[in-house]
Amino acid sequence: MKPVSSFNKLLTVFFIFIALLISFRIFYSGSGRFVFLFWNIFLAWIPYILSCYFEFYRKKEKWKQLVLFASWLLFFPNALYIVTDLVHLQDENNMPWWFDAVLVFASSFIGIVMAFISLRKAELYLKTLFGKGLVAASVAGILFLGSFGVYLGRFQRWNSWDVVNDPLALSVDIISKIINPVENYKVWAITVLFTAIYSLIYFFIKILPQAFSEIKNTGQ
């Protein structure tokens, strides 16, 4: 049996911590206002789990690899989306605002961490198939598509499963924004802004091990 990694152990601790915060909030305020975070964290967890199979599927048929990657890409925006739950922060008479800030920040943080761990696994998988330049372009494209997915979820209220439940309406909505970019300039402005911040965070996280190594080597 494969041992549980240190990351997964810490991830479990984080999940328990968030669950305790939500449970305490329900008990203290009598409101289930932030219970939806359970669902959003679960959706963010799906692409992380799917990405764990990239290495294993490298030896399988190409169509199986394609299905796995497409499934991961479909759910990837859910992990980025949870950051936008910060919009739910507001004053509430029976609950301190700072408690909600901690709760939503913790949920957003773990969502973004799972998103970028899964993206890193996808990047390493793509490196086994393509050259360095194409992989870099693919990562940029994935972040752009993921950001567009966040827009569709937050502002248009589409969900990943609408690809199956209502594919026609979803396709029409997406195509209308692509063929009318000027009329939908806010869509693309928001998407580019999301892409920029997600890209900065992702590449910043990637160099953290190097930064820690430099600090260790200098004895600071």
N, C-alpha and C. Protein backbone atom coordinates (compact mmCIF):
# COMPACT_ATOMS: atom_id res chain seq x y z
N MET A 1 0.85 -1.20 0.00
CA MET A 1 0.00 0.00 0.00
C MET A 1 0.88 1.25 0.00
N LYS A 2 0.59 2.18 -0.91
CA LYS A 2 1.40 3.38 -1.04
C LYS A 2 1.18 4.29 0.16
N PRO A 3 2.29 4.75 0.83
CA PRO A 3 2.13 5.61 2.01
C PRO A 3 1.56 6.97 1.63
N VAL A 4 0.85 7.56 2.58
CA VAL A 4 0.27 8.88 2.36
C VAL A 4 1.38 9.93 2.42
N SER A 5 1.44 10.81 1.43
CA SER A 5 2.49 11.82 1.39
C SER A 5 2.28 12.86 2.48
N SER A 6 3.37 13.57 2.80
CA SER A 6 3.28 14.63 3.80
C SER A 6 2.31 15.72 3.37
N PHE A 7 2.28 15.99 2.06
CA PHE A 7 1.36 17.01 1.55
C PHE A 7 -0.08 16.59 1.78
N ASN A 8 -0.41 15.35 1.48
CA ASN A 8 -1.78 14.88 1.66
C ASN A 8 -2.17 14.84 3.13
N LYS A 9 -1.22 14.55 4.00
CA LYS A 9 -1.51 14.58 5.44
C LYS A 9 -1.84 16.00 5.87
N LEU A 10 -1.03 16.97 5.41
CA LEU A 10 -1.28 18.36 5.77
C LEU A 10 -2.57 18.85 5.14
N LEU A 11 -2.86 18.36 3.93
CA LEU A 11 -4.11 18.71 3.26
C LEU A 11 -5.30 18.25 4.08
N THR A 12 -5.21 17.04 4.61
CA THR A 12 -6.28 16.50 5.45
C THR A 12 -6.47 17.34 6.71
N VAL A 13 -5.36 17.74 7.32
CA VAL A 13 -5.43 18.60 8.51
C VAL A 13 -6.12 19.92 8.18
N PHE A 14 -5.79 20.46 7.01
CA PHE A 14 -6.40 21.72 6.58
C PHE A 14 -7.90 21.55 6.38
N PHE A 15 -8.30 20.43 5.76
CA PHE A 15 -9.73 20.16 5.57
C PHE A 15 -10.46 20.09 6.91
N ILE A 16 -9.85 19.41 7.88
CA ILE A 16 -10.45 19.28 9.20
C ILE A 16 -10.57 20.65 9.87
N PHE A 17 -9.53 21.46 9.72
CA PHE A 17 -9.53 22.80 10.31
C PHE A 17 -10.68 23.64 9.75
N ILE A 18 -10.85 23.60 8.42
CA ILE A 18 -11.93 24.37 7.79
C ILE A 18 -13.30 23.83 8.22
N ALA A 19 -13.42 22.51 8.31
CA ALA A 19 -14.68 21.90 8.74
C ALA A 19 -15.02 22.34 10.16
N LEU A 20 -14.02 22.43 11.04
CA LEU A 20 -14.25 22.88 12.42
C LEU A 20 -14.68 24.34 12.45
N LEU A 21 -14.06 25.16 11.59
CA LEU A 21 -14.44 26.57 11.53
C LEU A 21 -15.90 26.73 11.09
N ILE A 22 -16.28 25.97 10.05
CA ILE A 22 -17.66 26.06 9.56
C ILE A 22 -18.64 25.55 10.61
N SER A 23 -18.28 24.44 11.27
CA SER A 23 -19.15 23.87 12.31
C SER A 23 -19.34 24.85 13.46
N PHE A 24 -18.23 25.48 13.87
CA PHE A 24 -18.31 26.46 14.96
C PHE A 24 -19.17 27.64 14.54
N ARG A 25 -19.04 28.06 13.29
CA ARG A 25 -19.83 29.20 12.80
C ARG A 25 -21.33 28.89 12.84
N ILE A 26 -21.67 27.67 12.44
CA ILE A 26 -23.08 27.26 12.47
C ILE A 26 -23.60 27.26 13.90
N PHE A 27 -22.79 26.72 14.82
CA PHE A 27 -23.19 26.65 16.23
C PHE A 27 -23.31 28.05 16.84
N TYR A 28 -22.35 28.92 16.53
CA TYR A 28 -22.30 30.25 17.15
C TYR A 28 -23.35 31.19 16.59
N SER A 29 -23.53 31.17 15.27
CA SER A 29 -24.42 32.14 14.61
C SER A 29 -25.80 31.58 14.31
N GLY A 30 -25.91 30.24 14.27
CA GLY A 30 -27.18 29.64 13.89
C GLY A 30 -27.47 29.76 12.41
N SER A 31 -26.44 30.11 11.65
CA SER A 31 -26.60 30.30 10.21
C SER A 31 -25.70 29.33 9.45
N GLY A 32 -26.24 28.77 8.38
CA GLY A 32 -25.45 27.86 7.54
C GLY A 32 -24.92 28.57 6.31
N ARG A 33 -24.66 29.86 6.41
CA ARG A 33 -24.32 30.70 5.27
C ARG A 33 -23.09 30.22 4.50
N PHE A 34 -22.09 29.71 5.19
CA PHE A 34 -20.85 29.33 4.52
C PHE A 34 -20.70 27.82 4.34
N VAL A 35 -21.80 27.08 4.50
CA VAL A 35 -21.74 25.64 4.29
C VAL A 35 -21.37 25.31 2.84
N PHE A 36 -21.69 26.21 1.92
CA PHE A 36 -21.37 25.98 0.50
C PHE A 36 -19.88 25.78 0.27
N LEU A 37 -19.05 26.23 1.24
CA LEU A 37 -17.61 26.07 1.08
C LEU A 37 -17.21 24.59 1.05
N PHE A 38 -17.98 23.73 1.73
CA PHE A 38 -17.72 22.29 1.67
C PHE A 38 -17.77 21.81 0.21
N TRP A 39 -18.81 22.24 -0.48
CA TRP A 39 -19.00 21.83 -1.88
C TRP A 39 -17.92 22.41 -2.78
N ASN A 40 -17.58 23.69 -2.56
CA ASN A 40 -16.57 24.33 -3.40
C ASN A 40 -15.19 23.71 -3.19
N ILE A 41 -14.90 23.33 -1.95
CA ILE A 41 -13.61 22.68 -1.67
C ILE A 41 -13.58 21.29 -2.31
N PHE A 42 -14.71 20.60 -2.27
CA PHE A 42 -14.78 19.29 -2.91
C PHE A 42 -14.54 19.41 -4.42
N LEU A 43 -15.16 20.42 -5.05
CA LEU A 43 -14.95 20.64 -6.48
C LEU A 43 -13.50 21.00 -6.79
N ALA A 44 -12.86 21.73 -5.88
CA ALA A 44 -11.45 22.08 -6.06
C ALA A 44 -10.55 20.86 -5.88
N TRP A 45 -11.02 19.91 -5.10
CA TRP A 45 -10.25 18.69 -4.81
C TRP A 45 -10.26 17.74 -6.00
N ILE A 46 -11.31 17.77 -6.82
CA ILE A 46 -11.44 16.85 -7.95
C ILE A 46 -10.26 16.96 -8.93
N PRO A 47 -9.91 18.18 -9.43
CA PRO A 47 -8.77 18.25 -10.35
C PRO A 47 -7.46 17.82 -9.70
N TYR A 48 -7.33 18.05 -8.40
CA TYR A 48 -6.12 17.62 -7.70
C TYR A 48 -6.01 16.10 -7.74
N ILE A 49 -7.11 15.41 -7.45
CA ILE A 49 -7.11 13.94 -7.48
C ILE A 49 -6.86 13.43 -8.89
N LEU A 50 -7.51 14.03 -9.87
CA LEU A 50 -7.32 13.60 -11.27
C LEU A 50 -5.86 13.75 -11.69
N SER A 51 -5.23 14.82 -11.25
CA SER A 51 -3.83 15.06 -11.64
C SER A 51 -2.88 14.02 -11.06
N CYS A 52 -3.29 13.39 -9.97
CA CYS A 52 -2.45 12.36 -9.35
C CYS A 52 -2.32 11.12 -10.23
N TYR A 53 -3.19 11.00 -11.25
CA TYR A 53 -3.17 9.84 -12.14
C TYR A 53 -2.40 10.09 -13.43
N PHE A 54 -1.88 11.31 -13.62
CA PHE A 54 -1.17 11.62 -14.86
C PHE A 54 0.03 10.69 -15.09
N GLU A 55 0.83 10.52 -14.06
CA GLU A 55 2.02 9.68 -14.18
C GLU A 55 1.64 8.23 -14.48
N PHE A 56 0.62 7.73 -13.79
CA PHE A 56 0.18 6.35 -13.98
C PHE A 56 -0.36 6.13 -15.39
N TYR A 57 -1.08 7.12 -15.93
CA TYR A 57 -1.73 6.98 -17.23
C TYR A 57 -0.77 7.18 -18.41
N ARG A 58 0.46 7.56 -18.14
CA ARG A 58 1.42 7.77 -19.23
C ARG A 58 1.67 6.49 -20.03
N LYS A 59 1.47 5.34 -19.40
CA LYS A 59 1.72 4.06 -20.06
C LYS A 59 0.45 3.46 -20.67
N LYS A 60 -0.66 4.16 -20.52
CA LYS A 60 -1.92 3.66 -21.07
C LYS A 60 -2.18 4.21 -22.47
N GLU A 61 -3.27 3.75 -23.07
CA GLU A 61 -3.60 4.18 -24.43
C GLU A 61 -3.79 5.70 -24.48
N LYS A 62 -3.49 6.26 -25.65
CA LYS A 62 -3.56 7.71 -25.82
C LYS A 62 -4.96 8.25 -25.55
N TRP A 63 -5.99 7.51 -25.93
CA TRP A 63 -7.34 8.02 -25.74
C TRP A 63 -7.69 8.11 -24.26
N LYS A 64 -7.14 7.19 -23.46
CA LYS A 64 -7.38 7.23 -22.02
C LYS A 64 -6.66 8.43 -21.40
N GLN A 65 -5.45 8.69 -21.89
CA GLN A 65 -4.71 9.86 -21.43
C GLN A 65 -5.46 11.14 -21.78
N LEU A 66 -6.03 11.17 -22.99
CA LEU A 66 -6.77 12.35 -23.45
C LEU A 66 -8.02 12.58 -22.60
N VAL A 67 -8.73 11.49 -22.29
CA VAL A 67 -9.94 11.60 -21.46
C VAL A 67 -9.58 12.11 -20.06
N LEU A 68 -8.50 11.59 -19.50
CA LEU A 68 -8.06 12.03 -18.17
C LEU A 68 -7.70 13.51 -18.19
N PHE A 69 -6.92 13.92 -19.20
CA PHE A 69 -6.47 15.31 -19.25
C PHE A 69 -7.66 16.25 -19.48
N ALA A 70 -8.57 15.84 -20.36
CA ALA A 70 -9.75 16.67 -20.65
C ALA A 70 -10.62 16.80 -19.40
N SER A 71 -10.74 15.72 -18.64
CA SER A 71 -11.54 15.75 -17.40
C SER A 71 -10.89 16.69 -16.39
N TRP A 72 -9.56 16.59 -16.29
CA TRP A 72 -8.85 17.50 -15.38
C TRP A 72 -9.04 18.95 -15.80
N LEU A 73 -8.90 19.23 -17.09
CA LEU A 73 -9.04 20.59 -17.59
C LEU A 73 -10.46 21.13 -17.36
N LEU A 74 -11.44 20.26 -17.46
CA LEU A 74 -12.83 20.66 -17.25
C LEU A 74 -13.06 21.11 -15.81
N PHE A 75 -12.47 20.41 -14.85
CA PHE A 75 -12.69 20.72 -13.44
C PHE A 75 -11.65 21.69 -12.87
N PHE A 76 -10.57 21.93 -13.60
CA PHE A 76 -9.51 22.81 -13.10
C PHE A 76 -10.01 24.19 -12.68
N PRO A 77 -10.90 24.85 -13.44
CA PRO A 77 -11.38 26.17 -13.02
C PRO A 77 -12.05 26.18 -11.64
N ASN A 78 -12.59 25.03 -11.22
CA ASN A 78 -13.24 24.98 -9.90
C ASN A 78 -12.25 25.25 -8.77
N ALA A 79 -11.00 24.82 -8.97
CA ALA A 79 -9.98 25.04 -7.94
C ALA A 79 -9.58 26.52 -7.89
N LEU A 80 -9.56 27.16 -9.06
CA LEU A 80 -9.26 28.60 -9.10
C LEU A 80 -10.45 29.43 -8.62
N TYR A 81 -11.64 28.93 -8.90
CA TYR A 81 -12.88 29.66 -8.62
C TYR A 81 -13.05 29.97 -7.14
N ILE A 82 -12.60 29.07 -6.28
CA ILE A 82 -12.86 29.21 -4.85
C ILE A 82 -12.26 30.49 -4.29
N VAL A 83 -11.24 31.03 -4.96
CA VAL A 83 -10.65 32.29 -4.51
C VAL A 83 -11.68 33.42 -4.58
N THR A 84 -12.58 33.35 -5.56
CA THR A 84 -13.57 34.41 -5.72
C THR A 84 -14.66 34.37 -4.65
N ASP A 85 -14.63 33.35 -3.78
CA ASP A 85 -15.59 33.31 -2.68
C ASP A 85 -15.35 34.43 -1.68
N LEU A 86 -14.24 35.15 -1.86
CA LEU A 86 -13.97 36.31 -1.01
C LEU A 86 -15.06 37.37 -1.17
N VAL A 87 -15.82 37.32 -2.25
CA VAL A 87 -16.90 38.30 -2.46
C VAL A 87 -18.01 38.12 -1.43
N HIS A 88 -18.04 37.00 -0.75
CA HIS A 88 -19.10 36.74 0.21
C HIS A 88 -18.83 37.38 1.57
N LEU A 89 -17.65 37.98 1.72
CA LEU A 89 -17.34 38.62 2.99
C LEU A 89 -18.17 39.89 3.14
N GLN A 90 -18.85 40.01 4.25
CA GLN A 90 -19.65 41.20 4.53
C GLN A 90 -19.96 41.24 6.03
N ASP A 91 -20.35 42.39 6.47
CA ASP A 91 -20.68 42.53 7.90
C ASP A 91 -21.91 41.70 8.24
N GLU A 92 -21.85 41.05 9.39
CA GLU A 92 -22.99 40.27 9.86
C GLU A 92 -23.10 40.46 11.37
N ASN A 93 -24.27 40.80 11.84
CA ASN A 93 -24.44 41.17 13.24
C ASN A 93 -24.08 40.06 14.21
N ASN A 94 -24.39 38.82 13.84
CA ASN A 94 -24.19 37.73 14.80
C ASN A 94 -22.90 36.94 14.56
N MET A 95 -21.99 37.48 13.75
CA MET A 95 -20.71 36.81 13.51
C MET A 95 -19.62 37.84 13.24
N PRO A 96 -18.50 37.79 13.96
CA PRO A 96 -17.41 38.75 13.71
C PRO A 96 -16.89 38.64 12.28
N TRP A 97 -16.66 39.77 11.65
CA TRP A 97 -16.19 39.75 10.25
C TRP A 97 -14.84 39.07 10.12
N TRP A 98 -13.99 39.23 11.17
CA TRP A 98 -12.65 38.67 11.07
C TRP A 98 -12.68 37.14 11.05
N PHE A 99 -13.68 36.54 11.71
CA PHE A 99 -13.81 35.08 11.69
C PHE A 99 -14.13 34.60 10.28
N ASP A 100 -15.07 35.28 9.64
CA ASP A 100 -15.43 34.92 8.26
C ASP A 100 -14.25 35.13 7.33
N ALA A 101 -13.45 36.18 7.60
CA ALA A 101 -12.27 36.45 6.77
C ALA A 101 -11.28 35.29 6.86
N VAL A 102 -11.07 34.79 8.09
CA VAL A 102 -10.16 33.65 8.28
C VAL A 102 -10.70 32.42 7.57
N LEU A 103 -12.01 32.17 7.71
CA LEU A 103 -12.64 30.99 7.11
C LEU A 103 -12.53 31.02 5.59
N VAL A 104 -12.91 32.14 4.98
CA VAL A 104 -12.89 32.22 3.52
C VAL A 104 -11.46 32.23 3.00
N PHE A 105 -10.55 32.91 3.72
CA PHE A 105 -9.15 32.91 3.30
C PHE A 105 -8.57 31.50 3.34
N ALA A 106 -8.84 30.76 4.41
CA ALA A 106 -8.32 29.39 4.53
C ALA A 106 -8.84 28.52 3.39
N SER A 107 -10.12 28.66 3.07
CA SER A 107 -10.72 27.87 1.98
C SER A 107 -10.12 28.26 0.64
N SER A 108 -9.95 29.57 0.42
CA SER A 108 -9.37 30.04 -0.83
C SER A 108 -7.92 29.59 -0.97
N PHE A 109 -7.20 29.64 0.14
CA PHE A 109 -5.79 29.25 0.13
C PHE A 109 -5.63 27.78 -0.25
N ILE A 110 -6.40 26.92 0.39
CA ILE A 110 -6.26 25.49 0.10
C ILE A 110 -6.73 25.18 -1.32
N GLY A 111 -7.71 25.94 -1.81
CA GLY A 111 -8.16 25.75 -3.19
C GLY A 111 -7.08 26.10 -4.18
N ILE A 112 -6.41 27.24 -3.97
CA ILE A 112 -5.38 27.68 -4.90
C ILE A 112 -4.16 26.76 -4.83
N VAL A 113 -3.86 26.25 -3.64
CA VAL A 113 -2.73 25.31 -3.50
C VAL A 113 -3.02 24.03 -4.28
N MET A 114 -4.22 23.47 -4.12
CA MET A 114 -4.58 22.27 -4.86
C MET A 114 -4.58 22.53 -6.37
N ALA A 115 -5.04 23.73 -6.75
CA ALA A 115 -5.06 24.08 -8.17
C ALA A 115 -3.66 24.05 -8.76
N PHE A 116 -2.71 24.66 -8.06
CA PHE A 116 -1.38 24.79 -8.63
C PHE A 116 -0.53 23.53 -8.48
N ILE A 117 -0.82 22.73 -7.48
CA ILE A 117 -0.17 21.42 -7.40
C ILE A 117 -0.62 20.57 -8.59
N SER A 118 -1.91 20.60 -8.88
CA SER A 118 -2.44 19.83 -10.01
C SER A 118 -1.91 20.39 -11.33
N LEU A 119 -1.78 21.70 -11.43
CA LEU A 119 -1.23 22.31 -12.65
C LEU A 119 0.22 21.91 -12.84
N ARG A 120 0.97 21.86 -11.76
CA ARG A 120 2.37 21.44 -11.84
C ARG A 120 2.47 19.99 -12.32
N LYS A 121 1.58 19.14 -11.82
CA LYS A 121 1.57 17.74 -12.27
C LYS A 121 1.22 17.67 -13.76
N ALA A 122 0.28 18.52 -14.19
CA ALA A 122 -0.09 18.56 -15.60
C ALA A 122 1.08 19.04 -16.44
N GLU A 123 1.80 20.03 -15.93
CA GLU A 123 2.96 20.56 -16.65
C GLU A 123 4.04 19.49 -16.82
N LEU A 124 4.30 18.73 -15.77
CA LEU A 124 5.31 17.66 -15.84
C LEU A 124 4.86 16.56 -16.80
N TYR A 125 3.56 16.30 -16.81
CA TYR A 125 3.01 15.31 -17.75
C TYR A 125 3.20 15.77 -19.19
N LEU A 126 2.91 17.03 -19.45
CA LEU A 126 3.04 17.58 -20.81
C LEU A 126 4.49 17.58 -21.27
N LYS A 127 5.43 17.70 -20.33
CA LYS A 127 6.85 17.69 -20.69
C LYS A 127 7.29 16.34 -21.25
N THR A 128 6.54 15.29 -20.94
CA THR A 128 6.87 13.97 -21.48
C THR A 128 6.36 13.82 -22.91
N LEU A 129 5.54 14.77 -23.35
CA LEU A 129 4.94 14.69 -24.67
C LEU A 129 5.44 15.76 -25.63
N PHE A 130 5.77 16.94 -25.10
CA PHE A 130 6.11 18.08 -25.95
C PHE A 130 7.40 18.74 -25.50
N GLY A 131 7.86 19.67 -26.34
CA GLY A 131 9.07 20.42 -26.02
C GLY A 131 8.81 21.51 -25.00
N LYS A 132 9.89 22.11 -24.51
CA LYS A 132 9.81 23.11 -23.45
C LYS A 132 8.95 24.31 -23.84
N GLY A 133 9.15 24.81 -25.08
CA GLY A 133 8.40 25.99 -25.52
C GLY A 133 6.92 25.73 -25.61
N LEU A 134 6.54 24.58 -26.14
CA LEU A 134 5.13 24.24 -26.29
C LEU A 134 4.48 24.02 -24.93
N VAL A 135 5.23 23.45 -24.01
CA VAL A 135 4.69 23.22 -22.66
C VAL A 135 4.43 24.56 -21.97
N ALA A 136 5.38 25.49 -22.11
CA ALA A 136 5.21 26.82 -21.51
C ALA A 136 3.97 27.51 -22.07
N ALA A 137 3.78 27.40 -23.39
CA ALA A 137 2.60 27.99 -24.03
C ALA A 137 1.33 27.30 -23.55
N SER A 138 1.42 25.98 -23.35
CA SER A 138 0.26 25.21 -22.90
C SER A 138 -0.15 25.63 -21.49
N VAL A 139 0.83 25.84 -20.62
CA VAL A 139 0.52 26.26 -19.24
C VAL A 139 -0.15 27.63 -19.26
N ALA A 140 0.36 28.54 -20.09
CA ALA A 140 -0.25 29.86 -20.21
C ALA A 140 -1.69 29.73 -20.73
N GLY A 141 -1.87 28.84 -21.70
CA GLY A 141 -3.21 28.63 -22.25
C GLY A 141 -4.16 28.03 -21.23
N ILE A 142 -3.65 27.10 -20.43
CA ILE A 142 -4.47 26.47 -19.38
C ILE A 142 -4.91 27.50 -18.36
N LEU A 143 -4.00 28.38 -17.96
CA LEU A 143 -4.35 29.42 -16.99
C LEU A 143 -5.38 30.39 -17.57
N PHE A 144 -5.25 30.67 -18.87
CA PHE A 144 -6.23 31.55 -19.53
C PHE A 144 -7.60 30.88 -19.58
N LEU A 145 -7.63 29.62 -19.98
CA LEU A 145 -8.90 28.88 -20.04
C LEU A 145 -9.50 28.73 -18.64
N GLY A 146 -8.63 28.46 -17.67
CA GLY A 146 -9.11 28.33 -16.29
C GLY A 146 -9.71 29.63 -15.80
N SER A 147 -9.08 30.75 -16.15
CA SER A 147 -9.59 32.07 -15.75
C SER A 147 -10.92 32.37 -16.43
N PHE A 148 -11.03 31.97 -17.70
CA PHE A 148 -12.30 32.15 -18.40
C PHE A 148 -13.38 31.30 -17.75
N GLY A 149 -13.00 30.10 -17.33
CA GLY A 149 -13.93 29.23 -16.62
C GLY A 149 -14.39 29.85 -15.31
N VAL A 150 -13.47 30.52 -14.61
CA VAL A 150 -13.83 31.21 -13.37
C VAL A 150 -14.85 32.30 -13.66
N TYR A 151 -14.62 33.03 -14.76
CA TYR A 151 -15.58 34.07 -15.14
C TYR A 151 -16.96 33.46 -15.40
N LEU A 152 -16.99 32.37 -16.16
CA LEU A 152 -18.27 31.73 -16.48
C LEU A 152 -18.98 31.25 -15.22
N GLY A 153 -18.21 30.79 -14.25
CA GLY A 153 -18.82 30.31 -13.01
C GLY A 153 -19.28 31.43 -12.10
N ARG A 154 -18.44 32.45 -11.92
CA ARG A 154 -18.77 33.52 -10.99
C ARG A 154 -19.82 34.48 -11.54
N PHE A 155 -19.68 34.87 -12.80
CA PHE A 155 -20.56 35.90 -13.35
C PHE A 155 -21.72 35.34 -14.18
N GLN A 156 -21.50 34.22 -14.85
CA GLN A 156 -22.55 33.63 -15.68
C GLN A 156 -23.26 32.48 -14.99
N ARG A 157 -22.68 32.03 -13.85
CA ARG A 157 -23.26 30.97 -13.03
C ARG A 157 -23.33 29.63 -13.74
N TRP A 158 -22.37 29.37 -14.64
CA TRP A 158 -22.27 28.05 -15.26
C TRP A 158 -21.47 27.14 -14.35
N ASN A 159 -21.72 25.84 -14.45
CA ASN A 159 -20.98 24.83 -13.68
C ASN A 159 -20.33 23.84 -14.63
N SER A 160 -19.33 23.12 -14.12
CA SER A 160 -18.62 22.14 -14.96
C SER A 160 -19.55 21.10 -15.54
N TRP A 161 -20.54 20.67 -14.74
CA TRP A 161 -21.44 19.62 -15.21
C TRP A 161 -22.44 20.11 -16.25
N ASP A 162 -22.48 21.42 -16.51
CA ASP A 162 -23.36 21.93 -17.56
C ASP A 162 -22.86 21.52 -18.95
N VAL A 163 -21.62 21.05 -19.01
CA VAL A 163 -21.10 20.50 -20.27
C VAL A 163 -21.95 19.30 -20.68
N VAL A 164 -22.51 18.61 -19.68
CA VAL A 164 -23.38 17.46 -19.94
C VAL A 164 -24.85 17.85 -19.82
N ASN A 165 -25.17 18.65 -18.79
CA ASN A 165 -26.57 18.99 -18.53
C ASN A 165 -27.17 19.94 -19.57
N ASP A 166 -26.40 20.92 -19.98
CA ASP A 166 -26.92 21.93 -20.91
C ASP A 166 -25.83 22.39 -21.87
N PRO A 167 -25.27 21.46 -22.65
CA PRO A 167 -24.13 21.80 -23.51
C PRO A 167 -24.46 22.83 -24.59
N LEU A 168 -25.68 22.82 -25.10
CA LEU A 168 -26.04 23.74 -26.17
C LEU A 168 -26.03 25.19 -25.69
N ALA A 169 -26.72 25.45 -24.58
CA ALA A 169 -26.78 26.81 -24.05
C ALA A 169 -25.40 27.30 -23.63
N LEU A 170 -24.62 26.42 -23.03
CA LEU A 170 -23.26 26.77 -22.62
C LEU A 170 -22.41 27.12 -23.83
N SER A 171 -22.50 26.31 -24.88
CA SER A 171 -21.73 26.54 -26.10
C SER A 171 -22.11 27.86 -26.76
N VAL A 172 -23.41 28.12 -26.82
CA VAL A 172 -23.90 29.37 -27.42
C VAL A 172 -23.36 30.57 -26.65
N ASP A 173 -23.39 30.49 -25.33
CA ASP A 173 -22.90 31.59 -24.49
C ASP A 173 -21.41 31.84 -24.74
N ILE A 174 -20.62 30.76 -24.78
CA ILE A 174 -19.18 30.89 -24.99
C ILE A 174 -18.88 31.44 -26.39
N ILE A 175 -19.53 30.88 -27.39
CA ILE A 175 -19.29 31.30 -28.77
C ILE A 175 -19.66 32.77 -28.97
N SER A 176 -20.75 33.20 -28.35
CA SER A 176 -21.18 34.59 -28.49
C SER A 176 -20.13 35.56 -27.95
N LYS A 177 -19.43 35.14 -26.91
CA LYS A 177 -18.40 35.99 -26.32
C LYS A 177 -17.13 35.99 -27.17
N ILE A 178 -16.90 34.89 -27.88
CA ILE A 178 -15.71 34.79 -28.73
C ILE A 178 -15.88 35.58 -30.03
N ILE A 179 -17.05 35.48 -30.64
CA ILE A 179 -17.27 36.13 -31.94
C ILE A 179 -17.64 37.61 -31.78
N ASN A 180 -17.93 38.04 -30.55
CA ASN A 180 -18.24 39.45 -30.30
C ASN A 180 -17.33 39.99 -29.18
N PRO A 181 -16.01 40.00 -29.41
CA PRO A 181 -15.08 40.39 -28.34
C PRO A 181 -15.23 41.85 -27.90
N VAL A 182 -15.58 42.73 -28.85
CA VAL A 182 -15.70 44.15 -28.51
C VAL A 182 -16.89 44.37 -27.57
N GLU A 183 -18.02 43.77 -27.92
CA GLU A 183 -19.21 43.92 -27.08
C GLU A 183 -19.01 43.28 -25.71
N ASN A 184 -18.16 42.27 -25.66
CA ASN A 184 -17.92 41.54 -24.41
C ASN A 184 -16.53 41.86 -23.85
N TYR A 185 -16.11 43.11 -24.01
CA TYR A 185 -14.76 43.48 -23.58
C TYR A 185 -14.55 43.28 -22.08
N LYS A 186 -15.61 43.45 -21.28
CA LYS A 186 -15.48 43.24 -19.84
C LYS A 186 -15.16 41.78 -19.52
N VAL A 187 -15.74 40.87 -20.32
CA VAL A 187 -15.47 39.44 -20.13
C VAL A 187 -13.99 39.17 -20.27
N TRP A 188 -13.41 39.69 -21.34
CA TRP A 188 -12.00 39.41 -21.62
C TRP A 188 -11.08 40.21 -20.73
N ALA A 189 -11.51 41.39 -20.31
CA ALA A 189 -10.70 42.17 -19.37
C ALA A 189 -10.59 41.43 -18.04
N ILE A 190 -11.72 40.90 -17.56
CA ILE A 190 -11.72 40.14 -16.31
C ILE A 190 -10.91 38.86 -16.46
N THR A 191 -11.06 38.19 -17.60
CA THR A 191 -10.33 36.95 -17.85
C THR A 191 -8.83 37.19 -17.87
N VAL A 192 -8.40 38.26 -18.54
CA VAL A 192 -6.97 38.60 -18.60
C VAL A 192 -6.45 38.96 -17.21
N LEU A 193 -7.25 39.70 -16.45
CA LEU A 193 -6.85 40.07 -15.09
C LEU A 193 -6.68 38.83 -14.22
N PHE A 194 -7.66 37.91 -14.29
CA PHE A 194 -7.54 36.66 -13.55
C PHE A 194 -6.31 35.87 -13.99
N THR A 195 -6.10 35.81 -15.31
CA THR A 195 -4.95 35.08 -15.84
C THR A 195 -3.64 35.65 -15.30
N ALA A 196 -3.55 36.97 -15.24
CA ALA A 196 -2.34 37.63 -14.76
C ALA A 196 -2.06 37.28 -13.30
N ILE A 197 -3.08 37.40 -12.45
CA ILE A 197 -2.85 37.14 -11.02
C ILE A 197 -2.59 35.67 -10.76
N TYR A 198 -3.31 34.78 -11.44
CA TYR A 198 -3.07 33.35 -11.25
C TYR A 198 -1.68 32.96 -11.75
N SER A 199 -1.26 33.55 -12.86
CA SER A 199 0.07 33.25 -13.41
C SER A 199 1.16 33.71 -12.46
N LEU A 200 1.01 34.92 -11.93
CA LEU A 200 2.00 35.45 -11.00
C LEU A 200 2.11 34.56 -9.76
N ILE A 201 0.96 34.16 -9.22
CA ILE A 201 0.97 33.30 -8.03
C ILE A 201 1.59 31.95 -8.34
N TYR A 202 1.24 31.37 -9.50
CA TYR A 202 1.75 30.05 -9.86
C TYR A 202 3.27 30.06 -10.00
N PHE A 203 3.79 31.01 -10.76
CA PHE A 203 5.23 31.05 -10.99
C PHE A 203 5.98 31.49 -9.73
N PHE A 204 5.32 32.26 -8.87
CA PHE A 204 5.93 32.61 -7.59
C PHE A 204 6.07 31.37 -6.72
N ILE A 205 5.00 30.56 -6.67
CA ILE A 205 5.04 29.33 -5.88
C ILE A 205 6.11 28.38 -6.41
N LYS A 206 6.27 28.34 -7.73
CA LYS A 206 7.25 27.43 -8.32
C LYS A 206 8.69 27.75 -7.90
N ILE A 207 8.98 29.02 -7.65
CA ILE A 207 10.36 29.38 -7.30
C ILE A 207 10.59 29.38 -5.78
N LEU A 208 9.54 29.11 -5.00
CA LEU A 208 9.71 29.09 -3.55
C LEU A 208 10.77 28.08 -3.08
N PRO A 209 10.78 26.84 -3.62
CA PRO A 209 11.83 25.90 -3.18
C PRO A 209 13.23 26.46 -3.42
N GLN A 210 13.43 27.13 -4.57
CA GLN A 210 14.73 27.74 -4.87
C GLN A 210 15.05 28.84 -3.88
N ALA A 211 14.03 29.65 -3.54
CA ALA A 211 14.24 30.73 -2.58
C ALA A 211 14.62 30.18 -1.21
N PHE A 212 13.93 29.13 -0.76
CA PHE A 212 14.24 28.52 0.53
C PHE A 212 15.65 27.91 0.51
N SER A 213 16.01 27.33 -0.65
CA SER A 213 17.34 26.74 -0.77
C SER A 213 18.42 27.81 -0.69
N GLU A 214 18.18 28.94 -1.32
CA GLU A 214 19.15 30.05 -1.27
C GLU A 214 19.32 30.57 0.14
N ILE A 215 18.19 30.65 0.88
CA ILE A 215 18.27 31.12 2.28
C ILE A 215 19.08 30.13 3.11
N LYS A 216 18.84 28.81 2.86
CA LYS A 216 19.57 27.79 3.62
C LYS A 216 21.06 27.84 3.32
N ASN A 217 21.41 28.04 2.05
CA ASN A 217 22.82 28.06 1.64
C ASN A 217 23.57 29.27 2.18
N THR A 218 22.85 30.38 2.35
CA THR A 218 23.49 31.58 2.86
C THR A 218 23.53 31.62 4.39
N GLY A 219 22.83 30.64 5.02
CA GLY A 219 22.85 30.54 6.47
C GLY A 219 21.98 31.56 7.16
N GLN A 220 21.03 32.16 6.44
CA GLN A 220 20.13 33.16 7.05
C GLN A 220 19.03 32.48 7.84
